[in-house]
Amino acid sequence: MLTFLYTLFPIAFGCHVGQILLNEIAPRPHNSGHYTIEACHTSQYENHLRAILGLPLGSTAMKVQASGMLNILGAGDKTYEACDLAYGIPGTTTHLYGKKECKAGRKMGHITVVGDSMQEVHDRLLPMVMAMDPKDESPFNLDPMVSIVMGSDSDLKVMEDAAKILTKMGVPFELSLVSAHRTPERMYHFGRMADKRGIKVIIAGAGGAAHLPGMVAALTPLPVIGVPVRGSTLDGVDSLHSIVQMPRGVPVATVAINNSTNAALLAVRMLGSFIPSFLDRMEKYQVQMEQEVQAKIATLDQVGWQKYEYIKH
């Protein structure tokens, strides 16, 4: 089966023993190339025309960070509810096919959504998906952008703060155990494959000898943020020195002892350098911190220093 697309009229035909059998003429784009209209430098349809006319093919690279598509299916009076919502959602484009009959389940059009990240595309798609099917809680699963690893499950009480921050910021992440000493092969595979899985930043927590952050940094081209975990012997200073004293050429960004919160915030800032929506969330977080301090100042002025210590914040 071959498919040629001319503007918005795809003509699909099959060749069999020298015969050409007309299969479809429809005033709509073919499903496989929907996203390219808004998301790529040159759409699938334009490149088909260029190929037919003998013109140089254009770049098929995406001109946005992420894109998704929602099919509009016949559902009676609710068919176009998602389209009505789309007009108020940034990064959306509605394509209706002009079909007269609206049978149940029949495709009546589609909505393309673009954004700075798959998280943003997901968030923009969600209200439209819910309008079509309230039982559908998520349009799709998001691949993690940040990986949180630690040498032992005893480190989780420290590293869970990073998970809470990333959850609050809407950053998709994964969390697992990777021991530099007890699971060296797992550590090697993790470090080598992290970037190929789409991970952008690694947060590694370790105590004692704390080799995990440095060894992972030696295995991956990704930025690694080390979190020294406080131990029972030297109060975490040994871990801090182990992580921060990396040799030239193997950088590890190191935060304060037990401060996985700052590690997560630093990861969000790194992502924000190429995903503007994360910068916006970081700015809101900073404003919130300022407001909390201003509220404490107001309370201190109101009750006086003698009573302030008994007020919980």
Foldseek 3Di string as FASTA:
>chain_A
DDWAAAPQWIWDWDADPNDTDTDDTARGHDPVFVQQVQFAPAGPNNQSVCVVVVHDGDDRDTPAQDKDKAWQAQDPPLRCVLVVVQVVFPQKDWFARPDDDRDGGHTGTMMMGTANYVLSSFVRCQVSVCSVPVVDRTPDDDQAQEEEEEADPVCCVLQVLLVVLCVVLSGHYYYYYDHCPPHVVVLLCCLQCVVVSNHAEYEYEYEDLQCSQQVSLVRHPHAYEYEQEQDDPPRRVNNQCNQCPHDPPRDYHYDDHSPNNVVNLVVLVVSCVRHVSSVVSNVVVVVVVVVVVVVLVVVCVVPPPVCSVVDDD
